[in-house]
Amino acid sequence: MVDELGKTSVTIDDDPGSYGFIANRCHAAIREEARKIVDEGIATESQVDKALEEGYNLPVGPFSLRGIGEEWD
């Protein structure tokens, strides 16, 4: 299935009770830090999104992703 999606699989040690995927865990840390930056008044949500989109070449920032996927819960 991974090949059909044009992706590369990464095998890791299992971490039950955690996020389950490397990318999800890293993204959760980015979201948490982004929220702290906004809460501390350092930048707005829009500024954080723009900085991460342009600085790390992300397709969308953490605040732009809010709500995406919730319809699957």
Foldseek 3Di string as FASTA:
>chain_A
DCVVVVHDDDDDDADPPDPGDPVVVVLVVQLVVLVVCVVVVVDHNVVQQVCCCVVVVDPTRPVVCPPPPPVVD
